[in-house]
């Protein structure tokens, strides 16, 4: 099965639908025209083999890089490809941590 993400005028994913493999080569046209759904459809990969990662509702599509990007969890986080990472690495120990955006640091969860 092939997956296609519908993106709105701001390149935000609004839904993801499945198309039969034999229609993959024209999946966007099939969804927009044949099914009458309209919109703009971009193929995404459940295995993340194309366009960075599998598109989910709320993800954005970066046309310049031709990839889907997950929503930014915090304003200070830095994008690397399709994903975001904290400006400082999470400690690598046996504790559990939660990002504290106000302090710009990882807080240990009790």
PDB file of N, CA and C in Angstrom:
ATOM      1  N   UNK A   1       0.835  -1.177   0.000  1.00  0.00           N
ATOM      2  CA  UNK A   1       0.000   0.000   0.000  1.00  0.00           C
ATOM      3  C   UNK A   1       0.884   1.247   0.000  1.00  0.00           C
ATOM      4  N   UNK A   2       0.423   2.270  -0.687  1.00  0.00           N
ATOM      5  CA  UNK A   2       1.136   3.541  -0.760  1.00  0.00           C
ATOM      6  C   UNK A   2       0.381   4.577   0.072  1.00  0.00           C
ATOM      7  N   UNK A   3       1.112   5.453   0.721  1.00  0.00           N
ATOM      8  CA  UNK A   3       0.517   6.464   1.588  1.00  0.00           C
ATOM      9  C   UNK A   3       0.747   7.854   1.010  1.00  0.00           C
ATOM     10  N   UNK A   4      -0.271   8.686   1.095  1.00  0.00           N
ATOM     11  CA  UNK A   4      -0.197  10.055   0.601  1.00  0.00           C
ATOM     12  C   UNK A   4      -0.727  11.001   1.663  1.00  0.00           C
ATOM     13  N   UNK A   5      -0.007  12.095   1.867  1.00  0.00           N
ATOM     14  CA  UNK A   5      -0.387  13.113   2.841  1.00  0.00           C
ATOM     15  C   UNK A   5      -0.984  14.305   2.107  1.00  0.00           C
ATOM     16  N   UNK A   6      -2.111  14.774   2.591  1.00  0.00           N
ATOM     17  CA  UNK A   6      -2.690  16.007   2.057  1.00  0.00           C
ATOM     18  C   UNK A   6      -2.114  17.170   2.849  1.00  0.00           C
ATOM     19  N   UNK A   7      -1.647  18.181   2.130  1.00  0.00           N
ATOM     20  CA  UNK A   7      -1.098  19.353   2.809  1.00  0.00           C
ATOM     21  C   UNK A   7      -1.928  20.575   2.454  1.00  0.00           C
ATOM     22  N   UNK A   8      -2.062  21.467   3.436  1.00  0.00           N
ATOM     23  CA  UNK A   8      -2.856  22.676   3.213  1.00  0.00           C
ATOM     24  C   UNK A   8      -1.995  23.785   2.625  1.00  0.00           C
ATOM     25  N   UNK A   9      -2.536  24.988   2.556  1.00  0.00           N
ATOM     26  CA  UNK A   9      -1.831  26.119   1.938  1.00  0.00           C
ATOM     27  C   UNK A   9      -0.587  26.538   2.721  1.00  0.00           C
ATOM     28  N   UNK A  10      -0.474  26.091   3.981  1.00  0.00           N
ATOM     29  CA  UNK A  10       0.712  26.380   4.796  1.00  0.00           C
ATOM     30  C   UNK A  10       1.670  25.197   4.852  1.00  0.00           C
ATOM     31  N   UNK A  11       1.431  24.193   3.998  1.00  0.00           N
ATOM     32  CA  UNK A  11       2.238  22.968   3.939  1.00  0.00           C
ATOM     33  C   UNK A  11       2.146  22.127   5.213  1.00  0.00           C
ATOM     34  N   UNK A  12       1.006  22.203   5.897  1.00  0.00           N
ATOM     35  CA  UNK A  12       0.761  21.390   7.087  1.00  0.00           C
ATOM     36  C   UNK A  12      -0.080  20.179   6.668  1.00  0.00           C
ATOM     37  N   UNK A  13       0.299  19.007   7.157  1.00  0.00           N
ATOM     38  CA  UNK A  13      -0.425  17.783   6.839  1.00  0.00           C
ATOM     39  C   UNK A  13      -1.768  17.784   7.557  1.00  0.00           C
ATOM     40  N   UNK A  14      -2.838  17.584   6.779  1.00  0.00           N
ATOM     41  CA  UNK A  14      -4.183  17.560   7.353  1.00  0.00           C
ATOM     42  C   UNK A  14      -4.766  16.153   7.432  1.00  0.00           C
ATOM     43  N   UNK A  15      -4.276  15.255   6.587  1.00  0.00           N
ATOM     44  CA  UNK A  15      -4.693  13.852   6.654  1.00  0.00           C
ATOM     45  C   UNK A  15      -3.737  13.014   5.815  1.00  0.00           C
ATOM     46  N   UNK A  16      -3.741  11.711   6.108  1.00  0.00           N
ATOM     47  CA  UNK A  16      -2.915  10.751   5.372  1.00  0.00           C
ATOM     48  C   UNK A  16      -3.830   9.607   4.968  1.00  0.00           C
ATOM     49  N   UNK A  17      -3.803   9.282   3.671  1.00  0.00           N
ATOM     50  CA  UNK A  17      -4.649   8.208   3.154  1.00  0.00           C
ATOM     51  C   UNK A  17      -3.806   7.159   2.430  1.00  0.00           C
ATOM     52  N   UNK A  18      -4.387   5.988   2.316  1.00  0.00           N
ATOM     53  CA  UNK A  18      -3.719   4.851   1.682  1.00  0.00           C
ATOM     54  C   UNK A  18      -4.296   4.636   0.286  1.00  0.00           C
ATOM     55  N   UNK A  19      -3.405   4.315  -0.651  1.00  0.00           N
ATOM     56  CA  UNK A  19      -3.784   4.023  -2.031  1.00  0.00           C
ATOM     57  C   UNK A  19      -3.218   2.647  -2.374  1.00  0.00           C
ATOM     58  N   UNK A  20      -3.959   1.892  -3.157  1.00  0.00           N
ATOM     59  CA  UNK A  20      -3.490   0.564  -3.572  1.00  0.00           C
ATOM     60  C   UNK A  20      -2.185   0.683  -4.356  1.00  0.00           C
ATOM     61  N   UNK A  21      -1.334  -0.319  -4.230  1.00  0.00           N
ATOM     62  CA  UNK A  21      -0.028  -0.303  -4.895  1.00  0.00           C
ATOM     63  C   UNK A  21      -0.125  -0.076  -6.400  1.00  0.00           C
ATOM     64  N   UNK A  22      -1.162  -0.625  -7.025  1.00  0.00           N
ATOM     65  CA  UNK A  22      -1.262  -0.472  -8.474  1.00  0.00           C
ATOM     66  C   UNK A  22      -1.625   0.970  -8.881  1.00  0.00           C
ATOM     67  N   UNK A  23      -1.982   1.806  -7.913  1.00  0.00           N
ATOM     68  CA  UNK A  23      -2.281   3.213  -8.186  1.00  0.00           C
ATOM     69  C   UNK A  23      -1.195   4.153  -7.658  1.00  0.00           C
ATOM     70  N   UNK A  24      -0.149   3.591  -7.099  1.00  0.00           N
ATOM     71  CA  UNK A  24       0.899   4.408  -6.487  1.00  0.00           C
ATOM     72  C   UNK A  24       1.477   5.431  -7.460  1.00  0.00           C
ATOM     73  N   UNK A  25       1.703   5.040  -8.693  1.00  0.00           N
ATOM     74  CA  UNK A  25       2.331   5.922  -9.679  1.00  0.00           C
ATOM     75  C   UNK A  25       1.491   7.163  -9.974  1.00  0.00           C
ATOM     76  N   UNK A  26       0.194   7.118  -9.652  1.00  0.00           N
ATOM     77  CA  UNK A  26      -0.679   8.268  -9.873  1.00  0.00           C
ATOM     78  C   UNK A  26      -1.553   8.526  -8.646  1.00  0.00           C
ATOM     79  N   UNK A  27      -1.010   8.209  -7.484  1.00  0.00           N
ATOM     80  CA  UNK A  27      -1.767   8.307  -6.239  1.00  0.00           C
ATOM     81  C   UNK A  27      -2.314   9.690  -5.949  1.00  0.00           C
ATOM     82  N   UNK A  28      -1.491  10.728  -6.140  1.00  0.00           N
ATOM     83  CA  UNK A  28      -1.947  12.095  -5.871  1.00  0.00           C
ATOM     84  C   UNK A  28      -3.102  12.460  -6.798  1.00  0.00           C
ATOM     85  N   UNK A  29      -2.967  12.117  -8.067  1.00  0.00           N
ATOM     86  CA  UNK A  29      -4.028  12.395  -9.038  1.00  0.00           C
ATOM     87  C   UNK A  29      -5.286  11.591  -8.708  1.00  0.00           C
ATOM     88  N   UNK A  30      -5.102  10.333  -8.321  1.00  0.00           N
ATOM     89  CA  UNK A  30      -6.228   9.471  -7.968  1.00  0.00           C
ATOM     90  C   UNK A  30      -7.023  10.076  -6.819  1.00  0.00           C
ATOM     91  N   UNK A  31      -6.343  10.509  -5.765  1.00  0.00           N
ATOM     92  CA  UNK A  31      -7.027  11.069  -4.603  1.00  0.00           C
ATOM     93  C   UNK A  31      -7.696  12.402  -4.922  1.00  0.00           C
ATOM     94  N   UNK A  32      -6.962  13.285  -5.580  1.00  0.00           N
ATOM     95  CA  UNK A  32      -7.481  14.631  -5.859  1.00  0.00           C
ATOM     96  C   UNK A  32      -8.591  14.625  -6.898  1.00  0.00           C
ATOM     97  N   UNK A  33      -8.393  13.883  -7.983  1.00  0.00           N
ATOM     98  CA  UNK A  33      -9.321  13.955  -9.109  1.00  0.00           C
ATOM     99  C   UNK A  33     -10.315  12.790  -9.158  1.00  0.00           C
ATOM    100  N   UNK A  34      -9.798  11.571  -9.190  1.00  0.00           N
ATOM    101  CA  UNK A  34     -10.675  10.407  -9.338  1.00  0.00           C
ATOM    102  C   UNK A  34     -11.641  10.273  -8.165  1.00  0.00           C
ATOM    103  N   UNK A  35     -11.137  10.448  -6.954  1.00  0.00           N
ATOM    104  CA  UNK A  35     -12.006  10.365  -5.779  1.00  0.00           C
ATOM    105  C   UNK A  35     -12.690  11.696  -5.472  1.00  0.00           C
ATOM    106  N   UNK A  36     -12.238  12.752  -6.131  1.00  0.00           N
ATOM    107  CA  UNK A  36     -12.864  14.062  -5.948  1.00  0.00           C
ATOM    108  C   UNK A  36     -12.536  14.739  -4.635  1.00  0.00           C
ATOM    109  N   UNK A  37     -11.385  14.387  -4.041  1.00  0.00           N
ATOM    110  CA  UNK A  37     -11.026  14.976  -2.753  1.00  0.00           C
ATOM    111  C   UNK A  37     -10.360  16.344  -2.896  1.00  0.00           C
ATOM    112  N   UNK A  38      -9.869  16.638  -4.104  1.00  0.00           N
ATOM    113  CA  UNK A  38      -9.161  17.902  -4.303  1.00  0.00           C
ATOM    114  C   UNK A  38      -7.897  17.936  -3.471  1.00  0.00           C
ATOM    115  N   UNK A  39      -7.373  19.109  -3.269  1.00  0.00           N
ATOM    116  CA  UNK A  39      -6.205  19.279  -2.407  1.00  0.00           C
ATOM    117  C   UNK A  39      -4.898  18.928  -3.088  1.00  0.00           C
ATOM    118  N   UNK A  40      -3.853  19.047  -2.304  1.00  0.00           N
ATOM    119  CA  UNK A  40      -2.499  18.727  -2.762  1.00  0.00           C
ATOM    120  C   UNK A  40      -2.003  17.522  -1.980  1.00  0.00           C
ATOM    121  N   UNK A  41      -1.584  16.501  -2.674  1.00  0.00           N
ATOM    122  CA  UNK A  41      -1.181  15.236  -2.064  1.00  0.00           C
ATOM    123  C   UNK A  41       0.289  14.952  -2.370  1.00  0.00           C
ATOM    124  N   UNK A  42       1.033  14.582  -1.328  1.00  0.00           N
ATOM    125  CA  UNK A  42       2.456  14.256  -1.446  1.00  0.00           C
ATOM    126  C   UNK A  42       2.649  12.841  -0.884  1.00  0.00           C
ATOM    127  N   UNK A  43       3.362  12.018  -1.620  1.00  0.00           N
ATOM    128  CA  UNK A  43       3.578  10.655  -1.136  1.00  0.00           C
ATOM    129  C   UNK A  43       4.498  10.661   0.081  1.00  0.00           C
ATOM    130  N   UNK A  44       4.165   9.806   1.035  1.00  0.00           N
ATOM    131  CA  UNK A  44       4.977   9.606   2.230  1.00  0.00           C
ATOM    132  C   UNK A  44       5.226   8.114   2.375  1.00  0.00           C
ATOM    133  N   UNK A  45       6.181   7.752   3.167  1.00  0.00           N
ATOM    134  CA  UNK A  45       6.547   6.344   3.290  1.00  0.00           C
ATOM    135  C   UNK A  45       6.379   5.874   4.726  1.00  0.00           C
ATOM    136  N   UNK A  46       5.593   4.814   4.896  1.00  0.00           N
ATOM    137  CA  UNK A  46       5.384   4.226   6.218  1.00  0.00           C
ATOM    138  C   UNK A  46       6.712   3.741   6.802  1.00  0.00           C
ATOM    139  N   UNK A  47       7.650   3.354   5.930  1.00  0.00           N
ATOM    140  CA  UNK A  47       8.969   2.881   6.357  1.00  0.00           C
ATOM    141  C   UNK A  47       9.992   4.009   6.426  1.00  0.00           C
ATOM    142  N   UNK A  48       9.547   5.242   6.200  1.00  0.00           N
ATOM    143  CA  UNK A  48      10.428   6.430   6.209  1.00  0.00           C
ATOM    144  C   UNK A  48      11.544   6.328   5.167  1.00  0.00           C
ATOM    145  N   UNK A  49      11.272   5.689   4.048  1.00  0.00           N
ATOM    146  CA  UNK A  49      12.301   5.550   3.013  1.00  0.00           C
ATOM    147  C   UNK A  49      12.326   6.734   2.053  1.00  0.00           C
ATOM    148  N   UNK A  50      11.281   7.542   2.070  1.00  0.00           N
ATOM    149  CA  UNK A  50      11.279   8.769   1.271  1.00  0.00           C
ATOM    150  C   UNK A  50      10.799   9.930   2.128  1.00  0.00           C
ATOM    151  N   UNK A  51      11.293  11.121   1.837  1.00  0.00           N
ATOM    152  CA  UNK A  51      10.867  12.371   2.473  1.00  0.00           C
ATOM    153  C   UNK A  51      11.058  12.376   3.985  1.00  0.00           C
ATOM    154  N   UNK A  52      12.143  11.768   4.436  1.00  0.00           N
ATOM    155  CA  UNK A  52      12.576  11.898   5.823  1.00  0.00           C
ATOM    156  C   UNK A  52      11.877  11.024   6.833  1.00  0.00           C
ATOM    157  N   UNK A  53      10.578  11.174   6.955  1.00  0.00           N
ATOM    158  CA  UNK A  53       9.820  10.410   7.931  1.00  0.00           C
ATOM    159  C   UNK A  53       8.391  10.260   7.447  1.00  0.00           C
ATOM    160  N   UNK A  54       7.655   9.345   8.030  1.00  0.00           N
ATOM    161  CA  UNK A  54       6.253   9.170   7.698  1.00  0.00           C
ATOM    162  C   UNK A  54       5.484  10.403   8.160  1.00  0.00           C
ATOM    163  N   UNK A  55       4.692  10.977   7.278  1.00  0.00           N
ATOM    164  CA  UNK A  55       3.937  12.186   7.602  1.00  0.00           C
ATOM    165  C   UNK A  55       2.767  11.859   8.519  1.00  0.00           C
ATOM    166  N   UNK A  56       2.594  12.685   9.529  1.00  0.00           N
ATOM    167  CA  UNK A  56       1.447  12.568  10.411  1.00  0.00           C
ATOM    168  C   UNK A  56       0.681  13.878  10.414  1.00  0.00           C
ATOM    169  N   UNK A  57      -0.535  13.841  10.876  1.00  0.00           N
ATOM    170  CA  UNK A  57      -1.333  15.060  10.959  1.00  0.00           C
ATOM    171  C   UNK A  57      -0.594  16.064  11.841  1.00  0.00           C
ATOM    172  N   UNK A  58      -0.472  17.283  11.344  1.00  0.00           N
ATOM    173  CA  UNK A  58       0.249  18.330  12.068  1.00  0.00           C
ATOM    174  C   UNK A  58       1.703  18.465  11.659  1.00  0.00           C
ATOM    175  N   UNK A  59       2.223  17.485  10.941  1.00  0.00           N
ATOM    176  CA  UNK A  59       3.590  17.599  10.425  1.00  0.00           C
ATOM    177  C   UNK A  59       3.579  18.647   9.314  1.00  0.00           C
ATOM    178  N   UNK A  60       4.754  19.152   8.973  1.00  0.00           N
ATOM    179  CA  UNK A  60       4.841  20.096   7.870  1.00  0.00           C
ATOM    180  C   UNK A  60       5.654  19.473   6.739  1.00  0.00           C
ATOM    181  N   UNK A  61       5.433  19.998   5.549  1.00  0.00           N
ATOM    182  CA  UNK A  61       6.183  19.547   4.379  1.00  0.00           C
ATOM    183  C   UNK A  61       7.113  20.670   3.968  1.00  0.00           C
ATOM    184  N   UNK A  62       8.419  20.394   3.948  1.00  0.00           N
ATOM    185  CA  UNK A  62       9.422  21.365   3.533  1.00  0.00           C
ATOM    186  C   UNK A  62       9.714  21.119   2.058  1.00  0.00           C
ATOM    187  N   UNK A  63       9.200  22.008   1.212  1.00  0.00           N
ATOM    188  CA  UNK A  63       9.366  21.826  -0.241  1.00  0.00           C
ATOM    189  C   UNK A  63      10.815  21.923  -0.678  1.00  0.00           C
ATOM    190  N   UNK A  64      11.576  22.830  -0.082  1.00  0.00           N
ATOM    191  CA  UNK A  64      12.977  23.003  -0.483  1.00  0.00           C
ATOM    192  C   UNK A  64      13.796  21.741  -0.254  1.00  0.00           C
ATOM    193  N   UNK A  65      13.526  21.053   0.836  1.00  0.00           N
ATOM    194  CA  UNK A  65      14.272  19.842   1.170  1.00  0.00           C
ATOM    195  C   UNK A  65      13.526  18.571   0.772  1.00  0.00           C
ATOM    196  N   UNK A  66      12.277  18.710   0.321  1.00  0.00           N
ATOM    197  CA  UNK A  66      11.431  17.593  -0.063  1.00  0.00           C
ATOM    198  C   UNK A  66      11.349  16.547   1.046  1.00  0.00           C
ATOM    199  N   UNK A  67      10.968  17.028   2.245  1.00  0.00           N
ATOM    200  CA  UNK A  67      10.798  16.108   3.360  1.00  0.00           C
ATOM    201  C   UNK A  67       9.731  16.602   4.314  1.00  0.00           C
ATOM    202  N   UNK A  68       9.191  15.653   5.077  1.00  0.00           N
ATOM    203  CA  UNK A  68       8.217  15.970   6.108  1.00  0.00           C
ATOM    204  C   UNK A  68       8.956  16.214   7.419  1.00  0.00           C
ATOM    205  N   UNK A  69       8.436  17.147   8.210  1.00  0.00           N
ATOM    206  CA  UNK A  69       9.074  17.536   9.472  1.00  0.00           C
ATOM    207  C   UNK A  69       8.050  17.421  10.596  1.00  0.00           C
ATOM    208  N   UNK A  70       8.441  16.730  11.669  1.00  0.00           N
ATOM    209  CA  UNK A  70       7.537  16.614  12.814  1.00  0.00           C
ATOM    210  C   UNK A  70       7.346  17.985  13.460  1.00  0.00           C
ATOM    211  N   UNK A  71       6.254  18.189  14.202  1.00  0.00           N
ATOM    212  CA  UNK A  71       6.043  19.479  14.857  1.00  0.00           C
ATOM    213  C   UNK A  71       7.165  19.789  15.854  1.00  0.00           C
ATOM    214  N   UNK A  72       7.539  21.049  15.935  1.00  0.00           N
ATOM    215  CA  UNK A  72       8.611  21.473  16.839  1.00  0.00           C
ATOM    216  C   UNK A  72       8.096  21.404  18.278  1.00  0.00           C
ATOM    217  N   UNK A  73       8.755  20.617  19.143  1.00  0.00           N
ATOM    218  CA  UNK A  73       8.255  20.459  20.510  1.00  0.00           C
ATOM    219  C   UNK A  73       8.460  21.694  21.387  1.00  0.00           C
ATOM    220  N   UNK A  74       9.564  22.411  21.184  1.00  0.00           N
ATOM    221  CA  UNK A  74       9.880  23.605  21.970  1.00  0.00           C
ATOM    222  C   UNK A  74      10.552  24.625  21.063  1.00  0.00           C
ATOM    223  N   UNK A  75      10.342  25.920  21.324  1.00  0.00           N
ATOM    224  CA  UNK A  75      10.951  26.946  20.466  1.00  0.00           C
ATOM    225  C   UNK A  75      12.472  26.890  20.386  1.00  0.00           C
ATOM    226  N   UNK A  76      13.133  26.434  21.431  1.00  0.00           N
ATOM    227  CA  UNK A  76      14.594  26.428  21.442  1.00  0.00           C
ATOM    228  C   UNK A  76      15.203  25.233  20.710  1.00  0.00           C
ATOM    229  N   UNK A  77      14.398  24.252  20.375  1.00  0.00           N
ATOM    230  CA  UNK A  77      14.938  23.045  19.758  1.00  0.00           C
ATOM    231  C   UNK A  77      15.348  23.308  18.321  1.00  0.00           C
ATOM    232  N   UNK A  78      16.340  22.554  17.869  1.00  0.00           N
ATOM    233  CA  UNK A  78      16.984  22.740  16.579  1.00  0.00           C
ATOM    234  C   UNK A  78      16.593  21.589  15.654  1.00  0.00           C
ATOM    235  N   UNK A  79      16.225  21.939  14.429  1.00  0.00           N
ATOM    236  CA  UNK A  79      15.816  20.894  13.485  1.00  0.00           C
ATOM    237  C   UNK A  79      17.027  20.275  12.814  1.00  0.00           C
ATOM    238  N   UNK A  80      16.995  18.956  12.746  1.00  0.00           N
ATOM    239  CA  UNK A  80      17.973  18.175  11.989  1.00  0.00           C
ATOM    240  C   UNK A  80      17.191  17.242  11.083  1.00  0.00           C
ATOM    241  N   UNK A  81      17.080  17.614   9.813  1.00  0.00           N
ATOM    242  CA  UNK A  81      16.281  16.814   8.882  1.00  0.00           C
ATOM    243  C   UNK A  81      14.810  16.887   9.247  1.00  0.00           C
ATOM    244  N   UNK A  82      14.203  15.740   9.498  1.00  0.00           N
ATOM    245  CA  UNK A  82      12.779  15.667   9.822  1.00  0.00           C
ATOM    246  C   UNK A  82      12.483  15.803  11.307  1.00  0.00           C
ATOM    247  N   UNK A  83      13.526  15.833  12.123  1.00  0.00           N
ATOM    248  CA  UNK A  83      13.331  15.759  13.565  1.00  0.00           C
ATOM    249  C   UNK A  83      13.951  16.955  14.296  1.00  0.00           C
ATOM    250  N   UNK A  84      13.609  17.090  15.561  1.00  0.00           N
ATOM    251  CA  UNK A  84      14.086  18.192  16.396  1.00  0.00           C
ATOM    252  C   UNK A  84      14.902  17.635  17.550  1.00  0.00           C
ATOM    253  N   UNK A  85      15.906  18.388  17.968  1.00  0.00           N
ATOM    254  CA  UNK A  85      16.680  17.968  19.132  1.00  0.00           C
ATOM    255  C   UNK A  85      16.908  19.165  20.038  1.00  0.00           C
ATOM    256  N   UNK A  86      17.074  18.875  21.302  1.00  0.00           N
ATOM    257  CA  UNK A  86      17.303  19.927  22.294  1.00  0.00           C
ATOM    258  C   UNK A  86      18.639  20.603  22.020  1.00  0.00           C
ATOM    259  N   UNK A  87      18.768  21.871  22.431  1.00  0.00           N
ATOM    260  CA  UNK A  87      20.026  22.575  22.202  1.00  0.00           C
ATOM    261  C   UNK A  87      21.193  22.014  23.018  1.00  0.00           C
ATOM    262  N   UNK A  88      20.878  21.247  24.057  1.00  0.00           N
ATOM    263  CA  UNK A  88      21.918  20.522  24.796  1.00  0.00           C
ATOM    264  C   UNK A  88      21.482  19.061  24.921  1.00  0.00           C
ATOM    265  N   UNK A  89      22.445  18.182  24.899  1.00  0.00           N
ATOM    266  CA  UNK A  89      22.154  16.755  24.951  1.00  0.00           C
ATOM    267  C   UNK A  89      21.521  16.362  26.281  1.00  0.00           C
ATOM    268  N   UNK A  90      20.588  15.419  26.202  1.00  0.00           N
ATOM    269  CA  UNK A  90      20.002  14.859  27.413  1.00  0.00           C
ATOM    270  C   UNK A  90      21.054  14.000  28.103  1.00  0.00           C
ATOM    271  N   UNK A  91      21.179  14.097  29.424  1.00  0.00           N
ATOM    272  CA  UNK A  91      22.159  13.248  30.125  1.00  0.00           C
ATOM    273  C   UNK A  91      21.899  11.767  29.845  1.00  0.00           C
ATOM    274  N   UNK A  92      22.978  11.025  29.761  1.00  0.00           N
ATOM    275  CA  UNK A  92      22.898   9.597  29.462  1.00  0.00           C
ATOM    276  C   UNK A  92      23.191   8.813  30.734  1.00  0.00           C
ATOM    277  N   UNK A  93      22.159   8.656  31.550  1.00  0.00           N
ATOM    278  CA  UNK A  93      22.299   7.888  32.790  1.00  0.00           C
ATOM    279  C   UNK A  93      20.986   7.150  33.053  1.00  0.00           C
ATOM    280  N   UNK A  94      20.796   6.669  34.262  1.00  0.00           N
ATOM    281  CA  UNK A  94      19.606   5.866  34.573  1.00  0.00           C
ATOM    282  C   UNK A  94      18.393   6.693  34.983  1.00  0.00           C
ATOM    283  N   UNK A  95      18.484   8.019  34.961  1.00  0.00           N
ATOM    284  CA  UNK A  95      17.374   8.886  35.341  1.00  0.00           C
ATOM    285  C   UNK A  95      16.457   9.151  34.149  1.00  0.00           C
ATOM    286  N   UNK A  96      15.258   9.626  34.465  1.00  0.00           N
ATOM    287  CA  UNK A  96      14.319  10.078  33.447  1.00  0.00           C
ATOM    288  C   UNK A  96      14.312  11.600  33.476  1.00  0.00           C
ATOM    289  N   UNK A  97      14.253  12.206  32.281  1.00  0.00           N
ATOM    290  CA  UNK A  97      14.351  13.656  32.179  1.00  0.00           C
ATOM    291  C   UNK A  97      13.185  14.246  31.392  1.00  0.00           C
ATOM    292  N   UNK A  98      12.903  15.501  31.714  1.00  0.00           N
ATOM    293  CA  UNK A  98      11.917  16.285  30.994  1.00  0.00           C
ATOM    294  C   UNK A  98      12.557  17.618  30.651  1.00  0.00           C
ATOM    295  N   UNK A  99      12.353  18.077  29.414  1.00  0.00           N
ATOM    296  CA  UNK A  99      12.949  19.331  28.989  1.00  0.00           C
ATOM    297  C   UNK A  99      12.257  20.505  29.671  1.00  0.00           C
ATOM    298  N   UNK A 100      13.050  21.418  30.238  1.00  0.00           N
ATOM    299  CA  UNK A 100      12.558  22.634  30.875  1.00  0.00           C
ATOM    300  C   UNK A 100      12.900  23.797  29.950  1.00  0.00           C
ATOM    301  N   UNK A 101      11.920  24.267  29.196  1.00  0.00           N
ATOM    302  CA  UNK A 101      12.153  25.317  28.203  1.00  0.00           C
ATOM    303  C   UNK A 101      12.540  26.636  28.873  1.00  0.00           C
ATOM    304  N   UNK A 102      11.975  26.932  30.041  1.00  0.00           N
ATOM    305  CA  UNK A 102      12.281  28.183  30.741  1.00  0.00           C
ATOM    306  C   UNK A 102      13.742  28.248  31.153  1.00  0.00           C
ATOM    307  N   UNK A 103      14.248  27.141  31.656  1.00  0.00           N
ATOM    308  CA  UNK A 103      15.641  27.080  32.128  1.00  0.00           C
ATOM    309  C   UNK A 103      16.613  26.675  31.021  1.00  0.00           C
ATOM    310  N   UNK A 104      16.088  26.108  29.947  1.00  0.00           N
ATOM    311  CA  UNK A 104      16.949  25.620  28.877  1.00  0.00           C
ATOM    312  C   UNK A 104      17.820  24.469  29.343  1.00  0.00           C
ATOM    313  N   UNK A 105      17.198  23.561  30.101  1.00  0.00           N
ATOM    314  CA  UNK A 105      17.955  22.456  30.678  1.00  0.00           C
ATOM    315  C   UNK A 105      17.038  21.249  30.865  1.00  0.00           C
ATOM    316  N   UNK A 106      17.655  20.109  31.109  1.00  0.00           N
ATOM    317  CA  UNK A 106      16.928  18.891  31.391  1.00  0.00           C
ATOM    318  C   UNK A 106      16.691  18.773  32.883  1.00  0.00           C
ATOM    319  N   UNK A 107      15.441  18.542  33.306  1.00  0.00           N
ATOM    320  CA  UNK A 107      15.100  18.337  34.716  1.00  0.00           C
ATOM    321  C   UNK A 107      14.923  16.847  34.954  1.00  0.00           C
ATOM    322  N   UNK A 108      15.480  16.383  36.076  1.00  0.00           N
ATOM    323  CA  UNK A 108      15.287  14.970  36.457  1.00  0.00           C
ATOM    324  C   UNK A 108      13.851  14.824  36.930  1.00  0.00           C
ATOM    325  N   UNK A 109      13.189  13.754  36.460  1.00  0.00           N
ATOM    326  CA  UNK A 109      11.831  13.447  36.901  1.00  0.00           C
ATOM    327  C   UNK A 109      11.936  12.497  38.080  1.00  0.00           C
ATOM    328  N   UNK A 110      11.304  12.845  39.166  1.00  0.00           N
ATOM    329  CA  UNK A 110      11.361  11.992  40.388  1.00  0.00           C
ATOM    330  C   UNK A 110      10.526  10.753  40.227  1.00  0.00           C
TER     331      UNK A 110
END
